[in-house]
């Protein structure tokens, strides 16, 4: 790993961390029910999931999901592409569990919509606004604290000099909940 790449990754992770509220702040906003007494999407896991995501921008990366309550969650990601650039993502997601009801399974299949942003860290920083639209299957079986998701993400990139560009990306990922 090159020194320049490590510097960019370190700066990116510090910047991403500065945008996330502390767990204490989440407890206050969720009525004090965060943690052991708060919402857990699976029987055997907590409200924090860590996993992997494939799809553009970048080609793959690490992703997380932090549930605030049954409908709301933050989903940060650090993605990489073949050229060594790092892309930081942060989305706020709203889930609707009432549209699709599963039969003969304990799992759930909510649809979701969100708002978020990308930060592309190359020689210059480039930002984007994004709106993830997706579906996730939350396994609710004993000893399987996992979800899998598929999302379409319309994204508007803002480059230096006032240039903008619109893309629609597809992403596939999974989280293991702790």
Foldseek 3Di string as FASTA:
>chain_A
DDPVLVVLVVVVVVVVVVPDDDPVVLCVVLVNCADPRADAQADPFHQKWKKKKAKPPAGIWIKMWGDSHPFWIKIWIWHHHPVSKIKTKIKIKGWDQPPDDDPPAPKTKTWIKIWIKMWIDDVDIKMKIKIKTWIKIQHHDPPQRKMKMKIKIWMWIADPPRDIDIDIMIMIMMIHGD
